[in-house]
Amino acid sequence: APHTRCGDPLAGSPSLTQSRHSLHLGDCAAALARYGRERRRDLGLAAERLRLARRHLGRITGHVGAEDVLDIIFRDFCVGK
């Protein structure tokens, strides 16, 4: 039975979280497509595409890597200014 207290999460327009997930999945797929095109020409660029794909998936699953923490520190705490 659908959730009676909060409603059916699959009914109606997508929530902000679902939209955000969709955007990250699209960005992940795009990075993987670029990886497929670059893997034989430039190993460095191909590795960067895989890193970006993993990062987008991590934003959906809640996995936060060291780079994400450093980005927050430098963005929010103005380290180095």
N, C-alpha and C. Protein backbone atom coordinates (compact mmCIF):
# COMPACT_ATOMS: atom_id res chain seq x y z
N ALA A 1 0.84 -1.19 0.00
CA ALA A 1 0.00 0.00 0.00
C ALA A 1 0.88 1.24 0.00
N PRO A 2 0.43 2.31 -0.65
CA PRO A 2 1.21 3.55 -0.65
C PRO A 2 1.35 4.10 0.76
N HIS A 3 2.36 4.89 0.93
CA HIS A 3 2.57 5.53 2.23
C HIS A 3 1.41 6.47 2.51
N THR A 4 0.72 6.25 3.62
CA THR A 4 -0.43 7.10 3.91
C THR A 4 -0.01 8.36 4.64
N ARG A 5 1.06 8.31 5.37
CA ARG A 5 1.47 9.48 6.13
C ARG A 5 2.19 10.51 5.24
N CYS A 6 3.07 10.04 4.38
CA CYS A 6 3.87 10.96 3.57
C CYS A 6 3.48 10.95 2.10
N GLY A 7 2.56 10.11 1.71
CA GLY A 7 2.17 10.02 0.31
C GLY A 7 3.05 9.05 -0.44
N ASP A 8 2.72 8.86 -1.69
CA ASP A 8 3.48 7.95 -2.54
C ASP A 8 4.63 8.73 -3.16
N PRO A 9 5.88 8.36 -2.86
CA PRO A 9 7.02 9.12 -3.38
C PRO A 9 7.18 9.00 -4.89
N LEU A 10 6.52 8.03 -5.52
CA LEU A 10 6.64 7.86 -6.96
C LEU A 10 5.53 8.56 -7.73
N ALA A 11 4.56 9.11 -7.03
CA ALA A 11 3.45 9.80 -7.68
C ALA A 11 3.80 11.26 -7.93
N GLY A 12 3.26 11.81 -8.99
CA GLY A 12 3.45 13.24 -9.25
C GLY A 12 4.81 13.55 -9.83
N SER A 13 5.17 14.82 -9.78
CA SER A 13 6.44 15.25 -10.35
C SER A 13 7.59 14.81 -9.46
N PRO A 14 8.78 14.67 -10.04
CA PRO A 14 9.92 14.20 -9.25
C PRO A 14 10.29 15.21 -8.17
N SER A 15 10.74 14.70 -7.06
CA SER A 15 11.17 15.58 -5.97
C SER A 15 12.53 16.16 -6.31
N LEU A 16 12.98 17.10 -5.51
CA LEU A 16 14.28 17.71 -5.71
C LEU A 16 15.36 16.65 -5.66
N THR A 17 15.26 15.72 -4.73
CA THR A 17 16.26 14.66 -4.61
C THR A 17 16.28 13.80 -5.86
N GLN A 18 15.11 13.41 -6.36
CA GLN A 18 15.07 12.59 -7.57
C GLN A 18 15.64 13.34 -8.76
N SER A 19 15.37 14.62 -8.87
CA SER A 19 15.91 15.43 -9.96
C SER A 19 17.42 15.53 -9.84
N ARG A 20 17.90 15.72 -8.63
CA ARG A 20 19.34 15.80 -8.39
C ARG A 20 20.00 14.49 -8.76
N HIS A 21 19.39 13.38 -8.36
CA HIS A 21 19.94 12.07 -8.70
C HIS A 21 19.99 11.88 -10.21
N SER A 22 18.95 12.30 -10.89
CA SER A 22 18.90 12.17 -12.34
C SER A 22 20.02 12.97 -13.00
N LEU A 23 20.27 14.18 -12.51
CA LEU A 23 21.34 15.00 -13.06
C LEU A 23 22.70 14.34 -12.85
N HIS A 24 22.92 13.82 -11.64
CA HIS A 24 24.20 13.16 -11.36
C HIS A 24 24.37 11.89 -12.19
N LEU A 25 23.29 11.14 -12.38
CA LEU A 25 23.39 9.95 -13.23
C LEU A 25 23.71 10.33 -14.67
N GLY A 26 23.10 11.39 -15.16
CA GLY A 26 23.40 11.87 -16.51
C GLY A 26 24.84 12.31 -16.65
N ASP A 27 25.34 13.02 -15.64
CA ASP A 27 26.74 13.47 -15.67
C ASP A 27 27.69 12.28 -15.59
N CYS A 28 27.32 11.28 -14.80
CA CYS A 28 28.13 10.07 -14.69
C CYS A 28 28.18 9.35 -16.04
N ALA A 29 27.03 9.19 -16.68
CA ALA A 29 26.98 8.52 -17.98
C ALA A 29 27.79 9.28 -19.02
N ALA A 30 27.73 10.61 -18.99
CA ALA A 30 28.50 11.42 -19.94
C ALA A 30 30.00 11.24 -19.71
N ALA A 31 30.41 11.20 -18.45
CA ALA A 31 31.84 11.00 -18.13
C ALA A 31 32.29 9.61 -18.60
N LEU A 32 31.45 8.61 -18.43
CA LEU A 32 31.81 7.26 -18.88
C LEU A 32 31.88 7.19 -20.41
N ALA A 33 31.00 7.91 -21.10
CA ALA A 33 31.05 7.94 -22.56
C ALA A 33 32.35 8.59 -23.02
N ARG A 34 32.74 9.67 -22.36
CA ARG A 34 34.00 10.34 -22.72
C ARG A 34 35.18 9.42 -22.43
N TYR A 35 35.10 8.68 -21.32
CA TYR A 35 36.15 7.71 -21.00
C TYR A 35 36.30 6.71 -22.15
N GLY A 36 35.18 6.21 -22.65
CA GLY A 36 35.22 5.24 -23.74
C GLY A 36 35.91 5.78 -24.99
N ARG A 37 35.74 7.07 -25.24
CA ARG A 37 36.36 7.68 -26.42
C ARG A 37 37.83 8.00 -26.20
N GLU A 38 38.23 8.27 -24.96
CA GLU A 38 39.58 8.76 -24.68
C GLU A 38 40.54 7.70 -24.16
N ARG A 39 40.05 6.56 -23.77
CA ARG A 39 40.89 5.59 -23.06
C ARG A 39 42.08 5.11 -23.90
N ARG A 40 41.95 5.07 -25.20
CA ARG A 40 43.07 4.59 -26.03
C ARG A 40 43.99 5.72 -26.47
N ARG A 41 43.50 6.96 -26.40
CA ARG A 41 44.31 8.09 -26.87
C ARG A 41 45.08 8.75 -25.74
N ASP A 42 44.44 8.96 -24.61
CA ASP A 42 45.07 9.70 -23.52
C ASP A 42 44.66 9.09 -22.19
N LEU A 43 45.56 8.34 -21.61
CA LEU A 43 45.25 7.62 -20.37
C LEU A 43 44.95 8.57 -19.22
N GLY A 44 45.62 9.72 -19.19
CA GLY A 44 45.38 10.70 -18.14
C GLY A 44 43.97 11.26 -18.19
N LEU A 45 43.51 11.63 -19.38
CA LEU A 45 42.15 12.13 -19.54
C LEU A 45 41.13 11.04 -19.23
N ALA A 46 41.41 9.82 -19.66
CA ALA A 46 40.50 8.71 -19.39
C ALA A 46 40.36 8.50 -17.89
N ALA A 47 41.46 8.55 -17.16
CA ALA A 47 41.42 8.38 -15.70
C ALA A 47 40.61 9.49 -15.05
N GLU A 48 40.74 10.70 -15.56
CA GLU A 48 39.96 11.83 -15.03
C GLU A 48 38.47 11.61 -15.26
N ARG A 49 38.10 11.07 -16.41
CA ARG A 49 36.68 10.78 -16.68
C ARG A 49 36.14 9.75 -15.70
N LEU A 50 36.92 8.72 -15.39
CA LEU A 50 36.48 7.72 -14.41
C LEU A 50 36.34 8.34 -13.02
N ARG A 51 37.27 9.23 -12.67
CA ARG A 51 37.19 9.90 -11.37
C ARG A 51 35.92 10.74 -11.28
N LEU A 52 35.60 11.46 -12.36
CA LEU A 52 34.39 12.27 -12.36
C LEU A 52 33.14 11.40 -12.28
N ALA A 53 33.14 10.29 -13.00
CA ALA A 53 31.99 9.38 -12.94
C ALA A 53 31.79 8.86 -11.52
N ARG A 54 32.87 8.46 -10.87
CA ARG A 54 32.78 7.97 -9.49
C ARG A 54 32.29 9.07 -8.56
N ARG A 55 32.74 10.27 -8.79
CA ARG A 55 32.33 11.39 -7.94
C ARG A 55 30.83 11.66 -8.05
N HIS A 56 30.30 11.60 -9.27
CA HIS A 56 28.86 11.81 -9.45
C HIS A 56 28.06 10.70 -8.77
N LEU A 57 28.52 9.46 -8.88
CA LEU A 57 27.83 8.37 -8.18
C LEU A 57 27.90 8.56 -6.68
N GLY A 58 29.04 9.02 -6.19
CA GLY A 58 29.20 9.26 -4.76
C GLY A 58 28.26 10.32 -4.23
N ARG A 59 27.93 11.27 -5.06
CA ARG A 59 26.99 12.32 -4.62
C ARG A 59 25.58 11.78 -4.50
N ILE A 60 25.28 10.68 -5.19
CA ILE A 60 23.98 10.05 -5.06
C ILE A 60 23.95 9.14 -3.83
N THR A 61 25.01 8.38 -3.66
CA THR A 61 25.05 7.39 -2.57
C THR A 61 25.43 7.99 -1.23
N GLY A 62 25.96 9.21 -1.24
CA GLY A 62 26.37 9.83 0.01
C GLY A 62 27.82 9.58 0.35
N HIS A 63 28.54 8.88 -0.53
CA HIS A 63 29.96 8.64 -0.32
C HIS A 63 30.71 9.94 -0.57
N VAL A 64 31.47 10.37 0.42
CA VAL A 64 32.23 11.60 0.29
C VAL A 64 33.71 11.25 0.32
N GLY A 65 34.42 11.65 -0.72
CA GLY A 65 35.84 11.38 -0.81
C GLY A 65 36.66 12.54 -0.27
N ALA A 66 37.96 12.32 -0.18
CA ALA A 66 38.87 13.34 0.34
C ALA A 66 38.81 14.62 -0.49
N GLU A 67 38.67 14.48 -1.82
CA GLU A 67 38.59 15.66 -2.67
C GLU A 67 37.37 16.50 -2.35
N ASP A 68 36.25 15.85 -2.05
CA ASP A 68 35.03 16.58 -1.71
C ASP A 68 35.24 17.38 -0.42
N VAL A 69 35.88 16.76 0.56
CA VAL A 69 36.14 17.45 1.83
C VAL A 69 37.05 18.65 1.59
N LEU A 70 38.10 18.47 0.80
CA LEU A 70 39.00 19.59 0.51
C LEU A 70 38.28 20.70 -0.25
N ASP A 71 37.41 20.35 -1.18
CA ASP A 71 36.63 21.37 -1.89
C ASP A 71 35.81 22.19 -0.92
N ILE A 72 35.18 21.53 0.05
CA ILE A 72 34.35 22.24 1.03
C ILE A 72 35.21 23.14 1.90
N ILE A 73 36.36 22.63 2.34
CA ILE A 73 37.24 23.42 3.20
C ILE A 73 37.69 24.68 2.47
N PHE A 74 38.17 24.52 1.23
CA PHE A 74 38.66 25.69 0.50
C PHE A 74 37.53 26.64 0.11
N ARG A 75 36.36 26.11 -0.18
CA ARG A 75 35.23 26.96 -0.57
C ARG A 75 34.63 27.69 0.64
N ASP A 76 34.37 26.93 1.72
CA ASP A 76 33.61 27.49 2.83
C ASP A 76 34.46 28.17 3.90
N PHE A 77 35.71 27.77 4.02
CA PHE A 77 36.52 28.31 5.10
C PHE A 77 37.64 29.23 4.61
N CYS A 78 37.68 29.46 3.30
CA CYS A 78 38.63 30.41 2.71
C CYS A 78 40.07 30.14 3.14
N VAL A 79 40.46 28.89 3.18
CA VAL A 79 41.83 28.55 3.53
C VAL A 79 42.75 29.07 2.43
N GLY A 80 43.83 29.69 2.82
CA GLY A 80 44.80 30.18 1.86
C GLY A 80 44.61 31.62 1.44
N LYS A 81 43.57 32.27 1.96
CA LYS A 81 43.36 33.69 1.60
C LYS A 81 44.03 34.58 2.61
